[in-house]
Amino acid sequence: MIRVLVVDDHAVVRRGVVQIVGEAAEMRCTGEAATGRDALRLAAENEYDVAVLDIHLPDGSGLDVLKQLRAFKPGLPVLILSMYPEQQYATRALKAGAAGYLTKESVPGELVAALRAVSRGERYVSRALAGALADQVAGAAGPEPHQALSDREDQVLRLLAAGKTVSQIAEELALSVKTVSTYRGRILAKLGLETTAALVRYALERGLVE
């Protein structure tokens, strides 16, 4: 039996994933969490064969949770299931240790196939993402400047682009205003931009925010 931990802050999404998992004869959802904190607690207290993890959680980034899971549960494969298109987060998630990446638009059968694959120790990506990764390796498409940002810088970039102030970001990420301002300066320098307005345009043009 493949024991699945589902981590998503939307109850409707969790219920849908639980139902899909339950329809596969060899799988059961044996844990549910709505926050990163609860996910880490459940993973520490119980044994799971696969974790399904959202990128956006109310208490932080799913990528941070992924890294923590990899640190104390290195044998637990994590499948990212996100609303964000693959080109936005998939490469970053795979580099952080995810075993696979799917969008929430994927059909139920693909989710089951992905869970089976990662539970066997395999990586799982869609055909479209596999093609994009192959193009990058072949040099057909160079990386975008924002792909060189650290995970925290990327997170701050998206929050700034979403219209949040430095103070709001500091509160949300439990950082000092000075630290967030430092991240903002680094982001602008790495992207070759001079103002937050230019940063917002950059993010919108590349679909980094809704």
N, C-alpha and C. Protein backbone atom coordinates (compact mmCIF):
# COMPACT_ATOMS: atom_id res chain seq x y z
N MET A 1 0.84 -1.20 0.00
CA MET A 1 0.00 0.00 0.00
C MET A 1 0.87 1.25 0.00
N ILE A 2 0.62 2.16 -0.93
CA ILE A 2 1.35 3.43 -1.00
C ILE A 2 0.63 4.45 -0.11
N ARG A 3 1.29 4.86 0.94
CA ARG A 3 0.71 5.81 1.90
C ARG A 3 1.06 7.23 1.46
N VAL A 4 0.03 8.06 1.29
CA VAL A 4 0.21 9.39 0.72
C VAL A 4 -0.14 10.48 1.73
N LEU A 5 0.74 11.46 1.84
CA LEU A 5 0.50 12.66 2.65
C LEU A 5 0.15 13.79 1.68
N VAL A 6 -1.01 14.43 1.88
CA VAL A 6 -1.46 15.50 1.00
C VAL A 6 -1.37 16.83 1.75
N VAL A 7 -0.63 17.78 1.16
CA VAL A 7 -0.42 19.08 1.80
C VAL A 7 -0.92 20.19 0.88
N ASP A 8 -2.02 20.81 1.24
CA ASP A 8 -2.60 21.90 0.46
C ASP A 8 -3.52 22.69 1.36
N ASP A 9 -3.48 24.01 1.26
CA ASP A 9 -4.31 24.81 2.16
C ASP A 9 -5.76 24.92 1.72
N HIS A 10 -6.09 24.43 0.54
CA HIS A 10 -7.47 24.48 0.07
C HIS A 10 -8.16 23.13 0.32
N ALA A 11 -9.18 23.14 1.16
CA ALA A 11 -9.85 21.90 1.54
C ALA A 11 -10.44 21.17 0.34
N VAL A 12 -10.96 21.94 -0.62
CA VAL A 12 -11.56 21.32 -1.80
C VAL A 12 -10.50 20.57 -2.62
N VAL A 13 -9.33 21.18 -2.75
CA VAL A 13 -8.25 20.52 -3.49
C VAL A 13 -7.80 19.26 -2.76
N ARG A 14 -7.63 19.36 -1.45
CA ARG A 14 -7.23 18.18 -0.68
C ARG A 14 -8.24 17.05 -0.85
N ARG A 15 -9.52 17.40 -0.77
CA ARG A 15 -10.56 16.39 -0.90
C ARG A 15 -10.49 15.73 -2.28
N GLY A 16 -10.25 16.53 -3.31
CA GLY A 16 -10.14 15.98 -4.65
C GLY A 16 -8.97 15.03 -4.79
N VAL A 17 -7.82 15.42 -4.24
CA VAL A 17 -6.64 14.55 -4.31
C VAL A 17 -6.87 13.27 -3.52
N VAL A 18 -7.47 13.40 -2.34
CA VAL A 18 -7.76 12.23 -1.52
C VAL A 18 -8.67 11.26 -2.27
N GLN A 19 -9.67 11.79 -2.96
CA GLN A 19 -10.60 10.94 -3.70
C GLN A 19 -9.89 10.24 -4.85
N ILE A 20 -9.05 10.98 -5.59
CA ILE A 20 -8.31 10.38 -6.70
C ILE A 20 -7.38 9.28 -6.20
N VAL A 21 -6.67 9.57 -5.11
CA VAL A 21 -5.77 8.57 -4.53
C VAL A 21 -6.54 7.34 -4.08
N GLY A 22 -7.71 7.55 -3.46
CA GLY A 22 -8.49 6.43 -2.95
C GLY A 22 -9.05 5.53 -4.03
N GLU A 23 -9.16 6.04 -5.25
CA GLU A 23 -9.68 5.23 -6.35
C GLU A 23 -8.62 4.31 -6.94
N ALA A 24 -7.36 4.51 -6.58
CA ALA A 24 -6.29 3.61 -7.01
C ALA A 24 -6.18 2.48 -5.98
N ALA A 25 -6.21 1.25 -6.45
CA ALA A 25 -6.29 0.10 -5.55
C ALA A 25 -5.15 0.02 -4.55
N GLU A 26 -3.96 0.47 -4.95
CA GLU A 26 -2.77 0.27 -4.12
C GLU A 26 -2.37 1.52 -3.34
N MET A 27 -3.25 2.55 -3.30
CA MET A 27 -2.90 3.81 -2.63
C MET A 27 -3.95 4.19 -1.59
N ARG A 28 -3.51 4.88 -0.57
CA ARG A 28 -4.41 5.47 0.41
C ARG A 28 -3.81 6.78 0.91
N CYS A 29 -4.66 7.78 1.09
CA CYS A 29 -4.22 9.01 1.74
C CYS A 29 -4.31 8.78 3.24
N THR A 30 -3.16 8.79 3.90
CA THR A 30 -3.14 8.52 5.34
C THR A 30 -2.77 9.76 6.16
N GLY A 31 -2.66 10.91 5.48
CA GLY A 31 -2.37 12.14 6.19
C GLY A 31 -2.74 13.36 5.36
N GLU A 32 -3.29 14.38 6.03
CA GLU A 32 -3.64 15.63 5.37
C GLU A 32 -3.14 16.80 6.19
N ALA A 33 -2.64 17.83 5.51
CA ALA A 33 -2.17 19.04 6.20
C ALA A 33 -2.52 20.26 5.36
N ALA A 34 -2.83 21.36 6.05
CA ALA A 34 -3.16 22.61 5.37
C ALA A 34 -2.03 23.63 5.46
N THR A 35 -1.02 23.34 6.28
CA THR A 35 0.10 24.26 6.45
C THR A 35 1.42 23.50 6.39
N GLY A 36 2.49 24.24 6.16
CA GLY A 36 3.80 23.62 6.16
C GLY A 36 4.16 23.07 7.52
N ARG A 37 3.78 23.80 8.58
CA ARG A 37 4.09 23.36 9.94
C ARG A 37 3.44 22.01 10.24
N ASP A 38 2.16 21.88 9.87
CA ASP A 38 1.46 20.61 10.11
C ASP A 38 2.04 19.49 9.26
N ALA A 39 2.45 19.83 8.04
CA ALA A 39 3.05 18.81 7.17
C ALA A 39 4.33 18.25 7.77
N LEU A 40 5.17 19.12 8.29
CA LEU A 40 6.43 18.69 8.90
C LEU A 40 6.17 17.86 10.16
N ARG A 41 5.16 18.27 10.94
CA ARG A 41 4.82 17.52 12.15
C ARG A 41 4.34 16.12 11.79
N LEU A 42 3.44 16.02 10.82
CA LEU A 42 2.92 14.71 10.43
C LEU A 42 4.02 13.82 9.87
N ALA A 43 4.90 14.41 9.07
CA ALA A 43 5.99 13.63 8.48
C ALA A 43 6.94 13.11 9.56
N ALA A 44 7.09 13.88 10.64
CA ALA A 44 7.97 13.45 11.73
C ALA A 44 7.32 12.36 12.58
N GLU A 45 5.99 12.40 12.68
CA GLU A 45 5.28 11.48 13.57
C GLU A 45 4.84 10.19 12.88
N ASN A 46 4.76 10.20 11.54
CA ASN A 46 4.21 9.06 10.81
C ASN A 46 5.10 8.68 9.63
N GLU A 47 4.80 7.53 9.07
CA GLU A 47 5.54 7.06 7.89
C GLU A 47 4.66 7.19 6.65
N TYR A 48 5.21 7.82 5.61
CA TYR A 48 4.52 7.96 4.34
C TYR A 48 5.45 7.49 3.22
N ASP A 49 4.84 7.11 2.11
CA ASP A 49 5.62 6.67 0.96
C ASP A 49 5.78 7.78 -0.07
N VAL A 50 4.84 8.73 -0.08
CA VAL A 50 4.87 9.87 -1.01
C VAL A 50 4.20 11.05 -0.32
N ALA A 51 4.73 12.26 -0.58
CA ALA A 51 4.05 13.48 -0.15
C ALA A 51 3.66 14.29 -1.37
N VAL A 52 2.41 14.76 -1.39
CA VAL A 52 1.93 15.66 -2.45
C VAL A 52 1.90 17.05 -1.83
N LEU A 53 2.66 17.98 -2.41
CA LEU A 53 2.89 19.26 -1.75
C LEU A 53 2.59 20.43 -2.68
N ASP A 54 1.83 21.40 -2.16
CA ASP A 54 1.54 22.63 -2.91
C ASP A 54 2.71 23.60 -2.75
N ILE A 55 2.88 24.49 -3.72
CA ILE A 55 3.94 25.51 -3.65
C ILE A 55 3.57 26.60 -2.66
N HIS A 56 2.32 27.06 -2.71
CA HIS A 56 1.91 28.20 -1.89
C HIS A 56 1.15 27.71 -0.68
N LEU A 57 1.70 27.98 0.51
CA LEU A 57 1.06 27.60 1.77
C LEU A 57 0.90 28.84 2.64
N PRO A 58 -0.07 28.85 3.53
CA PRO A 58 -0.34 30.06 4.30
C PRO A 58 0.79 30.47 5.24
N ASP A 59 1.65 29.53 5.61
CA ASP A 59 2.74 29.88 6.53
C ASP A 59 4.11 29.85 5.86
N GLY A 60 4.12 29.97 4.53
CA GLY A 60 5.41 30.05 3.84
C GLY A 60 5.41 29.32 2.51
N SER A 61 6.58 29.20 1.95
CA SER A 61 6.74 28.57 0.64
C SER A 61 6.81 27.05 0.76
N GLY A 62 6.14 26.38 -0.16
CA GLY A 62 6.24 24.93 -0.21
C GLY A 62 7.65 24.47 -0.51
N LEU A 63 8.43 25.31 -1.19
CA LEU A 63 9.81 24.94 -1.47
C LEU A 63 10.63 24.87 -0.19
N ASP A 64 10.33 25.75 0.77
CA ASP A 64 11.00 25.69 2.07
C ASP A 64 10.63 24.39 2.79
N VAL A 65 9.35 24.02 2.73
CA VAL A 65 8.90 22.77 3.34
C VAL A 65 9.58 21.59 2.66
N LEU A 66 9.69 21.65 1.34
CA LEU A 66 10.35 20.59 0.58
C LEU A 66 11.78 20.39 1.07
N LYS A 67 12.51 21.48 1.23
CA LYS A 67 13.91 21.39 1.68
C LYS A 67 14.01 20.80 3.08
N GLN A 68 13.07 21.18 3.95
CA GLN A 68 13.09 20.63 5.31
C GLN A 68 12.75 19.14 5.30
N LEU A 69 11.79 18.75 4.47
CA LEU A 69 11.47 17.33 4.36
C LEU A 69 12.66 16.54 3.84
N ARG A 70 13.35 17.11 2.87
CA ARG A 70 14.52 16.43 2.31
C ARG A 70 15.63 16.28 3.35
N ALA A 71 15.68 17.23 4.28
CA ALA A 71 16.73 17.20 5.29
C ALA A 71 16.52 16.09 6.32
N PHE A 72 15.25 15.92 6.81
CA PHE A 72 15.06 14.92 7.86
C PHE A 72 14.28 13.69 7.40
N LYS A 73 13.77 13.73 6.16
CA LYS A 73 13.12 12.55 5.59
C LYS A 73 13.63 12.36 4.15
N PRO A 74 14.94 12.13 3.99
CA PRO A 74 15.51 12.07 2.63
C PRO A 74 14.93 10.96 1.76
N GLY A 75 14.35 9.95 2.39
CA GLY A 75 13.79 8.85 1.62
C GLY A 75 12.35 9.06 1.20
N LEU A 76 11.76 10.20 1.58
CA LEU A 76 10.36 10.47 1.25
C LEU A 76 10.27 11.26 -0.05
N PRO A 77 9.81 10.66 -1.14
CA PRO A 77 9.68 11.41 -2.40
C PRO A 77 8.54 12.43 -2.31
N VAL A 78 8.78 13.61 -2.86
CA VAL A 78 7.79 14.69 -2.80
C VAL A 78 7.38 15.06 -4.21
N LEU A 79 6.08 14.99 -4.47
CA LEU A 79 5.51 15.40 -5.75
C LEU A 79 4.87 16.77 -5.57
N ILE A 80 5.35 17.76 -6.30
CA ILE A 80 4.75 19.09 -6.24
C ILE A 80 3.51 19.12 -7.12
N LEU A 81 2.39 19.56 -6.54
CA LEU A 81 1.14 19.73 -7.27
C LEU A 81 0.72 21.18 -7.10
N SER A 82 0.88 21.97 -8.15
CA SER A 82 0.75 23.42 -8.00
C SER A 82 -0.18 24.02 -9.04
N MET A 83 -0.74 25.19 -8.70
CA MET A 83 -1.53 25.94 -9.66
C MET A 83 -0.65 26.68 -10.66
N TYR A 84 0.64 26.82 -10.32
CA TYR A 84 1.54 27.58 -11.18
C TYR A 84 2.02 26.75 -12.36
N PRO A 85 2.08 27.35 -13.55
CA PRO A 85 2.55 26.63 -14.73
C PRO A 85 3.97 26.08 -14.52
N GLU A 86 4.29 25.04 -15.23
CA GLU A 86 5.57 24.37 -15.06
C GLU A 86 6.76 25.30 -15.27
N GLN A 87 6.64 26.19 -16.26
CA GLN A 87 7.78 27.04 -16.56
C GLN A 87 8.12 28.00 -15.44
N GLN A 88 7.19 28.21 -14.50
CA GLN A 88 7.44 29.14 -13.40
C GLN A 88 8.24 28.50 -12.27
N TYR A 89 7.91 27.28 -11.91
CA TYR A 89 8.48 26.71 -10.69
C TYR A 89 9.12 25.33 -10.85
N ALA A 90 8.83 24.61 -11.92
CA ALA A 90 9.23 23.21 -11.99
C ALA A 90 10.73 23.00 -11.86
N THR A 91 11.51 23.76 -12.62
CA THR A 91 12.96 23.59 -12.57
C THR A 91 13.49 23.87 -11.18
N ARG A 92 12.99 24.93 -10.56
CA ARG A 92 13.43 25.30 -9.21
C ARG A 92 13.04 24.19 -8.22
N ALA A 93 11.84 23.64 -8.36
CA ALA A 93 11.39 22.60 -7.44
C ALA A 93 12.23 21.33 -7.61
N LEU A 94 12.52 20.95 -8.84
CA LEU A 94 13.32 19.75 -9.08
C LEU A 94 14.73 19.92 -8.54
N LYS A 95 15.29 21.11 -8.69
CA LYS A 95 16.63 21.36 -8.14
C LYS A 95 16.63 21.30 -6.63
N ALA A 96 15.49 21.66 -6.02
CA ALA A 96 15.39 21.65 -4.56
C ALA A 96 15.15 20.24 -4.01
N GLY A 97 14.95 19.27 -4.90
CA GLY A 97 14.81 17.89 -4.46
C GLY A 97 13.47 17.25 -4.70
N ALA A 98 12.54 17.94 -5.38
CA ALA A 98 11.25 17.33 -5.68
C ALA A 98 11.43 16.14 -6.62
N ALA A 99 10.61 15.13 -6.43
CA ALA A 99 10.67 13.95 -7.29
C ALA A 99 9.84 14.14 -8.56
N GLY A 100 8.97 15.15 -8.55
CA GLY A 100 8.15 15.40 -9.73
C GLY A 100 7.38 16.69 -9.58
N TYR A 101 6.78 17.13 -10.68
CA TYR A 101 6.02 18.39 -10.68
C TYR A 101 4.82 18.24 -11.61
N LEU A 102 3.64 18.55 -11.08
CA LEU A 102 2.42 18.55 -11.88
C LEU A 102 1.63 19.82 -11.58
N THR A 103 0.88 20.28 -12.56
CA THR A 103 -0.02 21.40 -12.31
C THR A 103 -1.39 20.83 -11.91
N LYS A 104 -2.19 21.66 -11.26
CA LYS A 104 -3.50 21.22 -10.81
C LYS A 104 -4.49 21.04 -11.97
N GLU A 105 -4.06 21.44 -13.16
CA GLU A 105 -4.89 21.21 -14.35
C GLU A 105 -4.70 19.80 -14.90
N SER A 106 -3.77 19.05 -14.36
CA SER A 106 -3.51 17.70 -14.85
C SER A 106 -4.72 16.80 -14.62
N VAL A 107 -4.88 15.81 -15.48
CA VAL A 107 -6.00 14.88 -15.34
C VAL A 107 -5.70 13.91 -14.20
N PRO A 108 -6.76 13.36 -13.56
CA PRO A 108 -6.55 12.44 -12.43
C PRO A 108 -5.61 11.28 -12.74
N GLY A 109 -5.73 10.74 -13.94
CA GLY A 109 -4.88 9.60 -14.30
C GLY A 109 -3.40 9.94 -14.28
N GLU A 110 -3.07 11.18 -14.63
CA GLU A 110 -1.67 11.59 -14.62
C GLU A 110 -1.16 11.72 -13.19
N LEU A 111 -2.01 12.19 -12.29
CA LEU A 111 -1.61 12.28 -10.89
C LEU A 111 -1.31 10.89 -10.34
N VAL A 112 -2.15 9.92 -10.63
CA VAL A 112 -1.93 8.55 -10.16
C VAL A 112 -0.64 7.99 -10.75
N ALA A 113 -0.42 8.24 -12.05
CA ALA A 113 0.80 7.75 -12.70
C ALA A 113 2.03 8.38 -12.06
N ALA A 114 1.94 9.68 -11.75
CA ALA A 114 3.06 10.37 -11.12
C ALA A 114 3.34 9.80 -9.74
N LEU A 115 2.31 9.56 -8.96
CA LEU A 115 2.49 8.99 -7.62
C LEU A 115 3.12 7.60 -7.69
N ARG A 116 2.69 6.80 -8.63
CA ARG A 116 3.29 5.46 -8.79
C ARG A 116 4.77 5.57 -9.15
N ALA A 117 5.06 6.50 -10.06
CA ALA A 117 6.45 6.65 -10.51
C ALA A 117 7.37 7.09 -9.37
N VAL A 118 6.97 8.15 -8.66
CA VAL A 118 7.86 8.67 -7.62
C VAL A 118 7.96 7.71 -6.44
N SER A 119 6.91 6.92 -6.20
CA SER A 119 6.98 5.93 -5.11
C SER A 119 7.98 4.83 -5.44
N ARG A 120 8.27 4.64 -6.73
CA ARG A 120 9.28 3.66 -7.16
C ARG A 120 10.68 4.26 -7.20
N GLY A 121 10.78 5.52 -6.82
CA GLY A 121 12.09 6.16 -6.84
C GLY A 121 12.42 6.84 -8.14
N GLU A 122 11.43 6.99 -9.03
CA GLU A 122 11.65 7.64 -10.31
C GLU A 122 11.30 9.12 -10.24
N ARG A 123 11.77 9.89 -11.21
CA ARG A 123 11.35 11.29 -11.37
C ARG A 123 10.15 11.32 -12.31
N TYR A 124 9.26 12.30 -12.10
CA TYR A 124 8.12 12.42 -13.00
C TYR A 124 7.93 13.87 -13.42
N VAL A 125 7.92 14.10 -14.72
CA VAL A 125 7.58 15.40 -15.28
C VAL A 125 6.70 15.16 -16.50
N SER A 126 5.93 16.16 -16.88
CA SER A 126 5.07 16.03 -18.05
C SER A 126 5.93 16.01 -19.33
N ARG A 127 5.34 15.61 -20.42
CA ARG A 127 6.08 15.59 -21.69
C ARG A 127 6.52 17.00 -22.07
N ALA A 128 5.65 17.99 -21.83
CA ALA A 128 5.99 19.37 -22.19
C ALA A 128 7.19 19.85 -21.40
N LEU A 129 7.20 19.55 -20.11
CA LEU A 129 8.32 19.98 -19.28
C LEU A 129 9.59 19.23 -19.66
N ALA A 130 9.46 17.95 -19.94
CA ALA A 130 10.63 17.17 -20.35
C ALA A 130 11.26 17.76 -21.61
N GLY A 131 10.41 18.19 -22.55
CA GLY A 131 10.92 18.82 -23.76
C GLY A 131 11.62 20.13 -23.48
N ALA A 132 11.04 20.94 -22.58
CA ALA A 132 11.63 22.22 -22.23
C ALA A 132 12.97 22.03 -21.55
N LEU A 133 13.07 21.03 -20.67
CA LEU A 133 14.33 20.76 -19.98
C LEU A 133 15.39 20.28 -20.97
N ALA A 134 14.97 19.47 -21.93
CA ALA A 134 15.91 18.99 -22.95
C ALA A 134 16.43 20.15 -23.79
N ASP A 135 15.55 21.10 -24.10
CA ASP A 135 15.97 22.28 -24.87
C ASP A 135 16.99 23.10 -24.09
N GLN A 136 16.78 23.22 -22.78
CA GLN A 136 17.73 23.98 -21.97
C GLN A 136 19.09 23.31 -21.95
N VAL A 137 19.08 21.99 -21.79
CA VAL A 137 20.36 21.26 -21.77
C VAL A 137 21.09 21.40 -23.10
N ALA A 138 20.30 21.38 -24.19
CA ALA A 138 20.90 21.48 -25.53
C ALA A 138 21.29 22.91 -25.88
N GLY A 139 20.91 23.85 -25.04
CA GLY A 139 21.25 25.24 -25.30
C GLY A 139 20.31 25.93 -26.25
N ALA A 140 19.15 25.30 -26.52
CA ALA A 140 18.21 25.90 -27.46
C ALA A 140 17.51 27.10 -26.84
N ALA A 141 17.42 27.11 -25.54
CA ALA A 141 16.76 28.23 -24.87
C ALA A 141 17.55 28.59 -23.62
N GLY A 142 18.14 29.73 -23.60
CA GLY A 142 18.93 30.16 -22.45
C GLY A 142 18.04 30.47 -21.27
N PRO A 143 18.58 30.36 -20.06
CA PRO A 143 17.77 30.65 -18.88
C PRO A 143 17.42 32.12 -18.76
N GLU A 144 16.25 32.39 -18.22
CA GLU A 144 15.82 33.76 -17.96
C GLU A 144 16.61 34.31 -16.76
N PRO A 145 16.83 35.63 -16.70
CA PRO A 145 17.59 36.20 -15.57
C PRO A 145 17.04 35.82 -14.20
N HIS A 146 15.71 35.77 -14.06
CA HIS A 146 15.14 35.46 -12.74
C HIS A 146 15.42 34.04 -12.29
N GLN A 147 15.79 33.16 -13.22
CA GLN A 147 16.08 31.78 -12.84
C GLN A 147 17.39 31.66 -12.07
N ALA A 148 18.18 32.73 -12.09
CA ALA A 148 19.43 32.75 -11.33
C ALA A 148 19.22 33.23 -9.89
N LEU A 149 18.02 33.66 -9.56
CA LEU A 149 17.73 34.12 -8.21
C LEU A 149 17.69 32.95 -7.23
N SER A 150 18.03 33.23 -5.99
CA SER A 150 17.86 32.21 -4.96
C SER A 150 16.37 32.01 -4.71
N ASP A 151 16.02 30.94 -4.00
CA ASP A 151 14.60 30.68 -3.72
C ASP A 151 13.97 31.83 -2.94
N ARG A 152 14.70 32.37 -1.96
CA ARG A 152 14.16 33.47 -1.18
C ARG A 152 14.01 34.73 -2.04
N GLU A 153 15.00 35.01 -2.90
CA GLU A 153 14.91 36.16 -3.79
C GLU A 153 13.73 36.01 -4.74
N ASP A 154 13.55 34.80 -5.24
CA ASP A 154 12.42 34.54 -6.13
C ASP A 154 11.09 34.78 -5.41
N GLN A 155 11.02 34.36 -4.17
CA GLN A 155 9.81 34.56 -3.38
C GLN A 155 9.53 36.05 -3.17
N VAL A 156 10.57 36.81 -2.83
CA VAL A 156 10.41 38.26 -2.64
C VAL A 156 10.02 38.93 -3.94
N LEU A 157 10.62 38.51 -5.04
CA LEU A 157 10.28 39.06 -6.35
C LEU A 157 8.79 38.92 -6.63
N ARG A 158 8.25 37.74 -6.41
CA ARG A 158 6.84 37.49 -6.72
C ARG A 158 5.92 38.28 -5.80
N LEU A 159 6.32 38.45 -4.55
CA LEU A 159 5.50 39.23 -3.62
C LEU A 159 5.53 40.72 -3.97
N LEU A 160 6.70 41.22 -4.35
CA LEU A 160 6.80 42.61 -4.79
C LEU A 160 5.95 42.82 -6.05
N ALA A 161 6.04 41.87 -6.97
CA ALA A 161 5.29 41.98 -8.22
C ALA A 161 3.80 41.89 -7.98
N ALA A 162 3.40 41.24 -6.89
CA ALA A 162 1.98 41.12 -6.55
C ALA A 162 1.46 42.39 -5.87
N GLY A 163 2.34 43.37 -5.68
CA GLY A 163 1.91 44.65 -5.13
C GLY A 163 2.12 44.82 -3.64
N LYS A 164 2.81 43.89 -3.00
CA LYS A 164 3.02 44.00 -1.56
C LYS A 164 4.21 44.92 -1.27
N THR A 165 4.10 45.63 -0.16
CA THR A 165 5.18 46.53 0.23
C THR A 165 6.28 45.75 0.94
N VAL A 166 7.42 46.41 1.10
CA VAL A 166 8.53 45.79 1.81
C VAL A 166 8.11 45.41 3.23
N SER A 167 7.37 46.28 3.89
CA SER A 167 6.92 46.01 5.25
C SER A 167 5.97 44.81 5.30
N GLN A 168 5.06 44.72 4.35
CA GLN A 168 4.13 43.59 4.30
C GLN A 168 4.87 42.28 4.05
N ILE A 169 5.85 42.32 3.17
CA ILE A 169 6.63 41.12 2.88
C ILE A 169 7.43 40.69 4.10
N ALA A 170 8.01 41.68 4.79
CA ALA A 170 8.78 41.37 5.99
C ALA A 170 7.91 40.66 7.02
N GLU A 171 6.69 41.15 7.19
CA GLU A 171 5.78 40.52 8.15
C GLU A 171 5.39 39.12 7.71
N GLU A 172 5.09 38.96 6.42
CA GLU A 172 4.65 37.65 5.91
C GLU A 172 5.74 36.60 6.01
N LEU A 173 6.99 37.00 5.75
CA LEU A 173 8.09 36.04 5.74
C LEU A 173 8.85 36.00 7.06
N ALA A 174 8.40 36.77 8.05
CA ALA A 174 9.05 36.82 9.36
C ALA A 174 10.51 37.27 9.23
N LEU A 175 10.71 38.31 8.42
CA LEU A 175 12.04 38.88 8.23
C LEU A 175 12.00 40.35 8.64
N SER A 176 13.17 40.96 8.81
CA SER A 176 13.21 42.39 9.10
C SER A 176 13.00 43.17 7.81
N VAL A 177 12.53 44.40 7.94
CA VAL A 177 12.36 45.27 6.78
C VAL A 177 13.70 45.48 6.08
N LYS A 178 14.76 45.62 6.86
CA LYS A 178 16.10 45.80 6.28
C LYS A 178 16.51 44.61 5.43
N THR A 179 16.22 43.41 5.91
CA THR A 179 16.57 42.20 5.15
C THR A 179 15.81 42.13 3.84
N VAL A 180 14.52 42.44 3.88
CA VAL A 180 13.72 42.42 2.65
C VAL A 180 14.22 43.49 1.68
N SER A 181 14.59 44.65 2.19
CA SER A 181 15.12 45.71 1.34
C SER A 181 16.43 45.26 0.68
N THR A 182 17.24 44.51 1.43
CA THR A 182 18.48 43.97 0.86
C THR A 182 18.18 43.00 -0.26
N TYR A 183 17.19 42.12 -0.03
CA TYR A 183 16.78 41.18 -1.09
C TYR A 183 16.30 41.95 -2.32
N ARG A 184 15.52 42.99 -2.09
CA ARG A 184 15.01 43.78 -3.21
C ARG A 184 16.17 44.36 -4.02
N GLY A 185 17.17 44.87 -3.34
CA GLY A 185 18.33 45.42 -4.05
C GLY A 185 19.07 44.37 -4.85
N ARG A 186 19.23 43.20 -4.28
CA ARG A 186 19.91 42.11 -4.99
C ARG A 186 19.12 41.69 -6.23
N ILE A 187 17.81 41.62 -6.08
CA ILE A 187 16.96 41.21 -7.20
C ILE A 187 17.08 42.21 -8.35
N LEU A 188 16.97 43.48 -8.03
CA LEU A 188 17.08 44.51 -9.06
C LEU A 188 18.43 44.43 -9.76
N ALA A 189 19.49 44.21 -8.99
CA ALA A 189 20.83 44.13 -9.58
C ALA A 189 20.95 42.92 -10.50
N LYS A 190 20.45 41.77 -10.05
CA LYS A 190 20.57 40.55 -10.86
C LYS A 190 19.73 40.62 -12.13
N LEU A 191 18.62 41.34 -12.06
CA LEU A 191 17.74 41.44 -13.24
C LEU A 191 18.10 42.64 -14.12
N GLY A 192 19.04 43.46 -13.66
CA GLY A 192 19.43 44.64 -14.43
C GLY A 192 18.36 45.70 -14.46
N LEU A 193 17.60 45.82 -13.37
CA LEU A 193 16.51 46.78 -13.28
C LEU A 193 16.85 47.85 -12.24
N GLU A 194 16.11 48.96 -12.30
CA GLU A 194 16.41 50.06 -11.39
C GLU A 194 15.29 50.39 -10.41
N THR A 195 14.06 50.03 -10.74
CA THR A 195 12.94 50.39 -9.88
C THR A 195 12.01 49.21 -9.66
N THR A 196 11.20 49.32 -8.61
CA THR A 196 10.20 48.28 -8.35
C THR A 196 9.18 48.22 -9.47
N ALA A 197 8.85 49.36 -10.05
CA ALA A 197 7.90 49.39 -11.17
C ALA A 197 8.43 48.56 -12.34
N ALA A 198 9.73 48.68 -12.61
CA ALA A 198 10.33 47.90 -13.69
C ALA A 198 10.31 46.42 -13.34
N LEU A 199 10.50 46.12 -12.06
CA LEU A 199 10.46 44.73 -11.61
C LEU A 199 9.07 44.14 -11.82
N VAL A 200 8.04 44.94 -11.49
CA VAL A 200 6.66 44.48 -11.68
C VAL A 200 6.39 44.19 -13.16
N ARG A 201 6.84 45.09 -14.04
CA ARG A 201 6.65 44.86 -15.48
C ARG A 201 7.35 43.58 -15.92
N TYR A 202 8.56 43.39 -15.44
CA TYR A 202 9.34 42.18 -15.77
C TYR A 202 8.55 40.92 -15.39
N ALA A 203 8.02 40.92 -14.15
CA ALA A 203 7.29 39.75 -13.67
C ALA A 203 6.01 39.51 -14.45
N LEU A 204 5.28 40.58 -14.76
CA LEU A 204 4.03 40.45 -15.50
C LEU A 204 4.27 39.93 -16.92
N GLU A 205 5.31 40.44 -17.56
CA GLU A 205 5.62 40.03 -18.92
C GLU A 205 5.97 38.55 -19.02
N ARG A 206 6.47 37.99 -17.91
CA ARG A 206 6.89 36.58 -17.91
C ARG A 206 5.91 35.68 -17.18
N GLY A 207 4.77 36.24 -16.80
CA GLY A 207 3.74 35.43 -16.16
C GLY A 207 4.12 34.90 -14.80
N LEU A 208 4.95 35.67 -14.07
CA LEU A 208 5.38 35.21 -12.75
C LEU A 208 4.36 35.50 -11.66
N VAL A 209 3.39 36.34 -11.97
CA VAL A 209 2.27 36.62 -11.06
C VAL A 209 0.99 36.59 -11.87
N GLU A 210 -0.11 36.34 -11.16
CA GLU A 210 -1.40 36.29 -11.85
C GLU A 210 -1.90 37.71 -12.14
